[in-house]
Amino acid sequence: MSLIHSGTYLEKVKQLRDEINASLQKKAFVKENDRAVQG
């Protein structure tokens, strides 16, 4: 595996992790909002 390839791979992994974190935070945020509306 070349250095450039591994660098690109790491960038992709980082991007994916950021996207997953963002969607998880969004879900948690929506849950909190639902609770606030109901309560």
Protein backbone atom coordinates (compact mmCIF):
# COMPACT_ATOMS: atom_id res chain seq x y z
CA MET A 1 0.00 0.00 0.00
CA SER A 2 1.48 3.30 -1.07
CA LEU A 3 1.71 6.28 1.26
CA ILE A 4 -0.62 8.36 -0.90
CA HIS A 5 -3.20 5.58 -0.93
CA SER A 6 -3.12 5.16 2.84
CA GLY A 7 -3.43 8.92 3.26
CA THR A 8 -6.52 8.97 1.08
CA TYR A 9 -7.90 6.00 2.99
CA LEU A 10 -7.41 7.77 6.32
CA GLU A 11 -9.15 10.86 4.95
CA LYS A 12 -12.11 8.72 3.88
CA VAL A 13 -12.31 7.01 7.26
CA LYS A 14 -12.17 10.37 9.04
CA GLN A 15 -14.90 11.74 6.77
CA LEU A 16 -17.10 8.70 7.40
CA ARG A 17 -16.60 8.99 11.16
CA ASP A 18 -17.53 12.68 11.04
CA GLU A 19 -20.69 11.87 9.08
CA ILE A 20 -21.66 9.11 11.51
CA ASN A 21 -21.04 11.38 14.50
CA ALA A 22 -23.10 14.14 12.91
CA SER A 23 -26.05 11.84 12.24
CA LEU A 24 -25.86 10.42 15.77
CA GLN A 25 -25.84 13.92 17.25
CA LYS A 26 -28.79 14.84 15.04
CA LYS A 27 -30.74 11.80 16.26
CA ALA A 28 -29.95 12.61 19.89
CA PHE A 29 -30.98 16.23 19.29
CA VAL A 30 -34.30 15.16 17.76
CA LYS A 31 -34.91 12.81 20.70
CA GLU A 32 -34.29 15.65 23.16
CA ASN A 33 -36.68 17.89 21.22
CA ASP A 34 -39.38 15.21 21.20
CA ARG A 35 -39.04 14.82 24.95
CA ALA A 36 -39.23 18.59 25.45
CA VAL A 37 -42.36 18.83 23.28
CA GLN A 38 -44.09 15.92 25.02
CA GLY A 39 -43.04 16.88 28.55
